Amino acid sequence: MKTFKIDVDGDIKIDSHENIVMVEGPDEVVQAYWLLLSVRAGEWFLDTRLGLDYSKIWDKPYNPARIRAELIKALHQEPRTREVVDLELDFDRQARKLAITFKVITNDGETIFASEEVAL
């Protein structure tokens, strides 16, 4: 699939020549996962089941097992996901940041690897 590239602010990326930047292949799949994880469950009125239940992610105390389960559940909402084969969390309590790294096998057998750091 080919679609618009979305920047870190959630805006459509425009290059220096005022052209819309497109994304496809594995980069598009990674973008689809990060966009999915950025939606709070219940937030989108057309599908209130879509997204990540942030209330279970940010609950105190930090519970990596609960966070992993919620992330895996959310990643399986992407229809191209066959299996989440690896998901790592690295919580930096001092900086209040959580690094998320995951590996997913898509329905067509492609392995997708992604890594992102989020502020808590």
N, C-alpha and C. Protein backbone atom coordinates (compact mmCIF):
# COMPACT_ATOMS: atom_id res chain seq x y z
N MET A 1 0.84 -1.17 0.00
CA MET A 1 0.00 0.00 0.00
C MET A 1 0.89 1.24 0.00
N LYS A 2 0.40 2.30 -0.59
CA LYS A 2 1.12 3.56 -0.64
C LYS A 2 0.21 4.62 -0.01
N THR A 3 0.77 5.45 0.86
CA THR A 3 -0.03 6.46 1.54
C THR A 3 0.83 7.68 1.88
N PHE A 4 0.20 8.67 2.45
CA PHE A 4 0.92 9.88 2.86
C PHE A 4 1.85 9.55 4.02
N LYS A 5 3.04 10.13 4.01
CA LYS A 5 3.96 10.01 5.15
C LYS A 5 3.51 11.02 6.20
N ILE A 6 3.43 10.55 7.42
CA ILE A 6 3.02 11.39 8.54
C ILE A 6 4.25 11.70 9.39
N ASP A 7 4.43 12.98 9.74
CA ASP A 7 5.60 13.35 10.55
C ASP A 7 5.31 13.16 12.05
N VAL A 8 6.28 13.47 12.89
CA VAL A 8 6.17 13.23 14.33
C VAL A 8 5.06 14.05 14.98
N ASP A 9 4.62 15.12 14.33
CA ASP A 9 3.54 15.94 14.87
C ASP A 9 2.17 15.48 14.38
N GLY A 10 2.14 14.43 13.54
CA GLY A 10 0.88 13.93 13.01
C GLY A 10 0.41 14.65 11.76
N ASP A 11 1.30 15.44 11.16
CA ASP A 11 0.97 16.18 9.95
C ASP A 11 1.48 15.44 8.71
N ILE A 12 0.84 15.68 7.58
CA ILE A 12 1.32 15.12 6.32
C ILE A 12 2.65 15.78 5.98
N LYS A 13 3.65 14.96 5.70
CA LYS A 13 5.00 15.46 5.43
C LYS A 13 5.07 16.09 4.03
N ILE A 14 5.66 17.27 3.98
CA ILE A 14 5.85 18.01 2.74
C ILE A 14 7.36 18.19 2.55
N ASP A 15 7.86 17.90 1.33
CA ASP A 15 9.31 18.05 1.10
C ASP A 15 9.66 19.51 0.78
N SER A 16 10.94 19.76 0.50
CA SER A 16 11.43 21.11 0.27
C SER A 16 10.89 21.74 -1.02
N HIS A 17 10.31 20.90 -1.89
CA HIS A 17 9.74 21.40 -3.15
C HIS A 17 8.21 21.51 -3.07
N GLU A 18 7.69 21.46 -1.84
CA GLU A 18 6.24 21.57 -1.59
C GLU A 18 5.45 20.38 -2.12
N ASN A 19 6.11 19.21 -2.24
CA ASN A 19 5.43 17.99 -2.67
C ASN A 19 5.07 17.16 -1.45
N ILE A 20 3.94 16.48 -1.51
CA ILE A 20 3.56 15.56 -0.45
C ILE A 20 4.45 14.33 -0.54
N VAL A 21 5.03 13.96 0.59
CA VAL A 21 5.90 12.78 0.65
C VAL A 21 5.02 11.54 0.85
N MET A 22 5.32 10.50 0.09
CA MET A 22 4.56 9.25 0.18
C MET A 22 5.44 8.18 0.86
N VAL A 23 4.78 7.18 1.41
CA VAL A 23 5.47 6.08 2.05
C VAL A 23 4.80 4.78 1.62
N GLU A 24 5.61 3.72 1.44
CA GLU A 24 5.06 2.42 1.04
C GLU A 24 5.96 1.30 1.55
N GLY A 25 5.53 0.08 1.36
CA GLY A 25 6.31 -1.07 1.77
C GLY A 25 6.40 -1.19 3.28
N PRO A 26 7.52 -1.71 3.77
CA PRO A 26 7.67 -1.90 5.22
C PRO A 26 7.56 -0.60 6.01
N ASP A 27 8.02 0.51 5.45
CA ASP A 27 7.92 1.79 6.16
C ASP A 27 6.46 2.20 6.36
N GLU A 28 5.61 1.89 5.40
CA GLU A 28 4.18 2.20 5.53
C GLU A 28 3.56 1.34 6.61
N VAL A 29 3.96 0.08 6.70
CA VAL A 29 3.41 -0.81 7.73
C VAL A 29 3.83 -0.32 9.11
N VAL A 30 5.08 0.06 9.26
CA VAL A 30 5.57 0.60 10.54
C VAL A 30 4.78 1.86 10.90
N GLN A 31 4.57 2.73 9.92
CA GLN A 31 3.80 3.94 10.18
C GLN A 31 2.37 3.58 10.63
N ALA A 32 1.77 2.58 10.00
CA ALA A 32 0.41 2.16 10.37
C ALA A 32 0.38 1.69 11.83
N TYR A 33 1.41 0.96 12.25
CA TYR A 33 1.46 0.50 13.65
C TYR A 33 1.57 1.69 14.61
N TRP A 34 2.47 2.63 14.32
CA TRP A 34 2.64 3.77 15.23
C TRP A 34 1.40 4.65 15.26
N LEU A 35 0.73 4.80 14.13
CA LEU A 35 -0.51 5.57 14.13
C LEU A 35 -1.58 4.86 14.96
N LEU A 36 -1.66 3.55 14.83
CA LEU A 36 -2.61 2.78 15.61
C LEU A 36 -2.34 2.92 17.11
N LEU A 37 -1.06 2.84 17.49
CA LEU A 37 -0.70 2.96 18.91
C LEU A 37 -0.90 4.37 19.44
N SER A 38 -0.99 5.35 18.56
CA SER A 38 -1.18 6.73 19.02
C SER A 38 -2.65 7.07 19.27
N VAL A 39 -3.55 6.19 18.86
CA VAL A 39 -4.98 6.42 19.07
C VAL A 39 -5.37 5.84 20.43
N ARG A 40 -6.03 6.64 21.23
CA ARG A 40 -6.54 6.16 22.51
C ARG A 40 -7.83 5.38 22.27
N ALA A 41 -7.93 4.19 22.87
CA ALA A 41 -9.14 3.37 22.72
C ALA A 41 -10.35 4.20 23.13
N GLY A 42 -11.39 4.18 22.29
CA GLY A 42 -12.60 4.93 22.54
C GLY A 42 -12.59 6.34 21.99
N GLU A 43 -11.44 6.78 21.48
CA GLU A 43 -11.29 8.16 21.02
C GLU A 43 -11.93 8.40 19.64
N TRP A 44 -11.85 7.43 18.74
CA TRP A 44 -12.35 7.64 17.38
C TRP A 44 -13.79 7.18 17.31
N PHE A 45 -14.69 8.10 17.04
CA PHE A 45 -16.13 7.83 17.11
C PHE A 45 -16.60 6.79 16.09
N LEU A 46 -15.88 6.59 15.01
CA LEU A 46 -16.30 5.60 14.01
C LEU A 46 -15.96 4.17 14.42
N ASP A 47 -15.02 4.01 15.34
CA ASP A 47 -14.69 2.68 15.87
C ASP A 47 -14.08 2.86 17.25
N THR A 48 -14.92 2.83 18.26
CA THR A 48 -14.45 3.09 19.63
C THR A 48 -13.59 1.96 20.18
N ARG A 49 -13.52 0.82 19.48
CA ARG A 49 -12.66 -0.28 19.93
C ARG A 49 -11.22 -0.13 19.44
N LEU A 50 -11.02 0.76 18.48
CA LEU A 50 -9.70 0.95 17.86
C LEU A 50 -8.76 1.70 18.80
N GLY A 51 -7.52 1.26 18.85
CA GLY A 51 -6.49 1.99 19.58
C GLY A 51 -6.00 1.27 20.82
N LEU A 52 -5.24 2.00 21.58
CA LEU A 52 -4.55 1.48 22.76
C LEU A 52 -5.23 2.01 24.02
N ASP A 53 -5.45 1.14 24.99
CA ASP A 53 -6.07 1.56 26.25
C ASP A 53 -4.98 2.18 27.13
N TYR A 54 -4.83 3.49 27.01
CA TYR A 54 -3.78 4.20 27.72
C TYR A 54 -3.96 4.15 29.24
N SER A 55 -5.17 3.96 29.71
CA SER A 55 -5.38 3.90 31.16
C SER A 55 -4.64 2.71 31.76
N LYS A 56 -4.49 1.64 30.99
CA LYS A 56 -3.75 0.47 31.47
C LYS A 56 -2.25 0.61 31.27
N ILE A 57 -1.85 1.52 30.38
CA ILE A 57 -0.42 1.73 30.11
C ILE A 57 0.20 2.62 31.18
N TRP A 58 -0.47 3.69 31.55
CA TRP A 58 0.12 4.69 32.43
C TRP A 58 -0.24 4.50 33.90
N ASP A 59 -1.00 3.44 34.22
CA ASP A 59 -1.31 3.18 35.63
C ASP A 59 -0.03 2.98 36.44
N LYS A 60 -0.06 3.45 37.66
CA LYS A 60 1.03 3.22 38.59
C LYS A 60 0.69 1.99 39.42
N PRO A 61 1.60 1.19 39.85
CA PRO A 61 3.02 1.25 39.52
C PRO A 61 3.27 0.70 38.12
N TYR A 62 4.46 0.99 37.60
CA TYR A 62 4.88 0.50 36.29
C TYR A 62 4.76 -1.02 36.28
N ASN A 63 4.01 -1.54 35.32
CA ASN A 63 3.78 -2.97 35.23
C ASN A 63 4.07 -3.44 33.80
N PRO A 64 5.29 -3.92 33.55
CA PRO A 64 5.67 -4.28 32.18
C PRO A 64 4.80 -5.39 31.57
N ALA A 65 4.35 -6.34 32.36
CA ALA A 65 3.51 -7.42 31.83
C ALA A 65 2.18 -6.87 31.32
N ARG A 66 1.58 -5.97 32.07
CA ARG A 66 0.31 -5.36 31.66
C ARG A 66 0.51 -4.52 30.40
N ILE A 67 1.59 -3.75 30.36
CA ILE A 67 1.87 -2.90 29.20
C ILE A 67 2.10 -3.75 27.96
N ARG A 68 2.90 -4.81 28.10
CA ARG A 68 3.16 -5.71 26.97
C ARG A 68 1.85 -6.29 26.43
N ALA A 69 0.98 -6.74 27.33
CA ALA A 69 -0.29 -7.35 26.91
C ALA A 69 -1.15 -6.34 26.14
N GLU A 70 -1.21 -5.11 26.62
CA GLU A 70 -2.01 -4.08 25.95
C GLU A 70 -1.43 -3.71 24.60
N LEU A 71 -0.11 -3.62 24.50
CA LEU A 71 0.54 -3.30 23.23
C LEU A 71 0.31 -4.41 22.20
N ILE A 72 0.46 -5.65 22.62
CA ILE A 72 0.24 -6.78 21.72
C ILE A 72 -1.21 -6.80 21.24
N LYS A 73 -2.13 -6.58 22.16
CA LYS A 73 -3.56 -6.52 21.81
C LYS A 73 -3.80 -5.44 20.75
N ALA A 74 -3.20 -4.27 20.95
CA ALA A 74 -3.38 -3.16 20.01
C ALA A 74 -2.73 -3.47 18.66
N LEU A 75 -1.52 -4.05 18.66
CA LEU A 75 -0.85 -4.36 17.40
C LEU A 75 -1.65 -5.35 16.56
N HIS A 76 -2.39 -6.23 17.21
CA HIS A 76 -3.22 -7.20 16.48
C HIS A 76 -4.45 -6.55 15.85
N GLN A 77 -4.72 -5.29 16.15
CA GLN A 77 -5.83 -4.58 15.50
C GLN A 77 -5.48 -4.22 14.05
N GLU A 78 -4.21 -4.15 13.73
CA GLU A 78 -3.79 -3.92 12.35
C GLU A 78 -4.08 -5.20 11.58
N PRO A 79 -4.93 -5.16 10.55
CA PRO A 79 -5.35 -6.38 9.86
C PRO A 79 -4.22 -7.16 9.20
N ARG A 80 -3.09 -6.54 8.95
CA ARG A 80 -1.97 -7.25 8.31
C ARG A 80 -1.13 -8.04 9.30
N THR A 81 -1.44 -7.98 10.58
CA THR A 81 -0.65 -8.67 11.60
C THR A 81 -1.02 -10.14 11.69
N ARG A 82 -0.03 -10.99 11.51
CA ARG A 82 -0.22 -12.42 11.76
C ARG A 82 0.19 -12.74 13.19
N GLU A 83 1.39 -12.24 13.58
CA GLU A 83 1.91 -12.59 14.90
C GLU A 83 2.89 -11.53 15.39
N VAL A 84 2.79 -11.19 16.67
CA VAL A 84 3.79 -10.34 17.31
C VAL A 84 4.80 -11.31 17.92
N VAL A 85 6.01 -11.33 17.37
CA VAL A 85 7.00 -12.33 17.79
C VAL A 85 7.95 -11.80 18.85
N ASP A 86 8.02 -10.50 19.00
CA ASP A 86 8.92 -9.94 20.02
C ASP A 86 8.42 -8.55 20.37
N LEU A 87 8.44 -8.24 21.66
CA LEU A 87 8.09 -6.90 22.11
C LEU A 87 8.91 -6.61 23.36
N GLU A 88 9.75 -5.60 23.27
CA GLU A 88 10.64 -5.24 24.38
C GLU A 88 10.28 -3.86 24.90
N LEU A 89 10.36 -3.70 26.21
CA LEU A 89 10.13 -2.41 26.87
C LEU A 89 11.39 -2.04 27.63
N ASP A 90 11.78 -0.80 27.52
CA ASP A 90 12.92 -0.30 28.30
C ASP A 90 12.49 1.00 28.95
N PHE A 91 12.18 0.93 30.25
CA PHE A 91 11.66 2.08 30.98
C PHE A 91 12.80 2.80 31.68
N ASP A 92 12.97 4.08 31.35
CA ASP A 92 13.95 4.93 32.00
C ASP A 92 13.20 5.81 33.00
N ARG A 93 13.19 5.37 34.25
CA ARG A 93 12.42 6.07 35.28
C ARG A 93 12.92 7.49 35.48
N GLN A 94 14.22 7.69 35.44
CA GLN A 94 14.82 9.01 35.64
C GLN A 94 14.34 10.01 34.59
N ALA A 95 14.37 9.60 33.31
CA ALA A 95 13.96 10.47 32.22
C ALA A 95 12.46 10.40 31.93
N ARG A 96 11.77 9.45 32.58
CA ARG A 96 10.33 9.23 32.37
C ARG A 96 10.03 8.94 30.90
N LYS A 97 10.82 8.01 30.34
CA LYS A 97 10.64 7.61 28.95
C LYS A 97 10.56 6.10 28.85
N LEU A 98 9.75 5.66 27.91
CA LEU A 98 9.59 4.24 27.66
C LEU A 98 9.96 3.97 26.21
N ALA A 99 10.96 3.13 26.01
CA ALA A 99 11.35 2.71 24.66
C ALA A 99 10.62 1.42 24.35
N ILE A 100 9.94 1.41 23.21
CA ILE A 100 9.18 0.24 22.77
C ILE A 100 9.81 -0.27 21.49
N THR A 101 10.15 -1.54 21.47
CA THR A 101 10.70 -2.19 20.28
C THR A 101 9.89 -3.45 20.03
N PHE A 102 9.45 -3.63 18.79
CA PHE A 102 8.68 -4.84 18.50
C PHE A 102 9.01 -5.39 17.12
N LYS A 103 8.74 -6.68 16.99
CA LYS A 103 8.90 -7.37 15.72
C LYS A 103 7.59 -8.10 15.44
N VAL A 104 7.06 -7.90 14.24
CA VAL A 104 5.78 -8.46 13.85
C VAL A 104 5.95 -9.22 12.54
N ILE A 105 5.26 -10.36 12.44
CA ILE A 105 5.17 -11.08 11.17
C ILE A 105 3.82 -10.71 10.57
N THR A 106 3.84 -10.21 9.33
CA THR A 106 2.61 -9.83 8.65
C THR A 106 1.97 -11.06 7.99
N ASN A 107 0.75 -10.89 7.53
CA ASN A 107 0.02 -11.99 6.88
C ASN A 107 0.74 -12.51 5.64
N ASP A 108 1.52 -11.67 4.97
CA ASP A 108 2.26 -12.13 3.79
C ASP A 108 3.65 -12.66 4.14
N GLY A 109 3.93 -12.84 5.44
CA GLY A 109 5.19 -13.43 5.88
C GLY A 109 6.33 -12.47 6.06
N GLU A 110 6.11 -11.20 5.86
CA GLU A 110 7.15 -10.19 6.01
C GLU A 110 7.39 -9.90 7.49
N THR A 111 8.66 -9.73 7.86
CA THR A 111 9.02 -9.38 9.24
C THR A 111 9.19 -7.87 9.32
N ILE A 112 8.46 -7.25 10.23
CA ILE A 112 8.50 -5.80 10.42
C ILE A 112 9.11 -5.54 11.80
N PHE A 113 10.12 -4.68 11.84
CA PHE A 113 10.79 -4.32 13.08
C PHE A 113 10.60 -2.82 13.28
N ALA A 114 10.24 -2.42 14.50
CA ALA A 114 10.05 -0.99 14.78
C ALA A 114 10.49 -0.69 16.19
N SER A 115 10.95 0.54 16.38
CA SER A 115 11.40 0.99 17.68
C SER A 115 11.04 2.46 17.84
N GLU A 116 10.57 2.82 19.03
CA GLU A 116 10.15 4.19 19.30
C GLU A 116 10.29 4.46 20.78
N GLU A 117 10.54 5.71 21.12
CA GLU A 117 10.62 6.12 22.51
C GLU A 117 9.49 7.10 22.78
N VAL A 118 8.76 6.88 23.88
CA VAL A 118 7.64 7.75 24.24
C VAL A 118 7.87 8.33 25.64
N ALA A 119 7.44 9.55 25.83
CA ALA A 119 7.56 10.20 27.14
C ALA A 119 6.37 9.82 28.00
N LEU A 120 6.63 9.60 29.27
CA LEU A 120 5.55 9.28 30.21
C LEU A 120 5.13 10.50 30.98
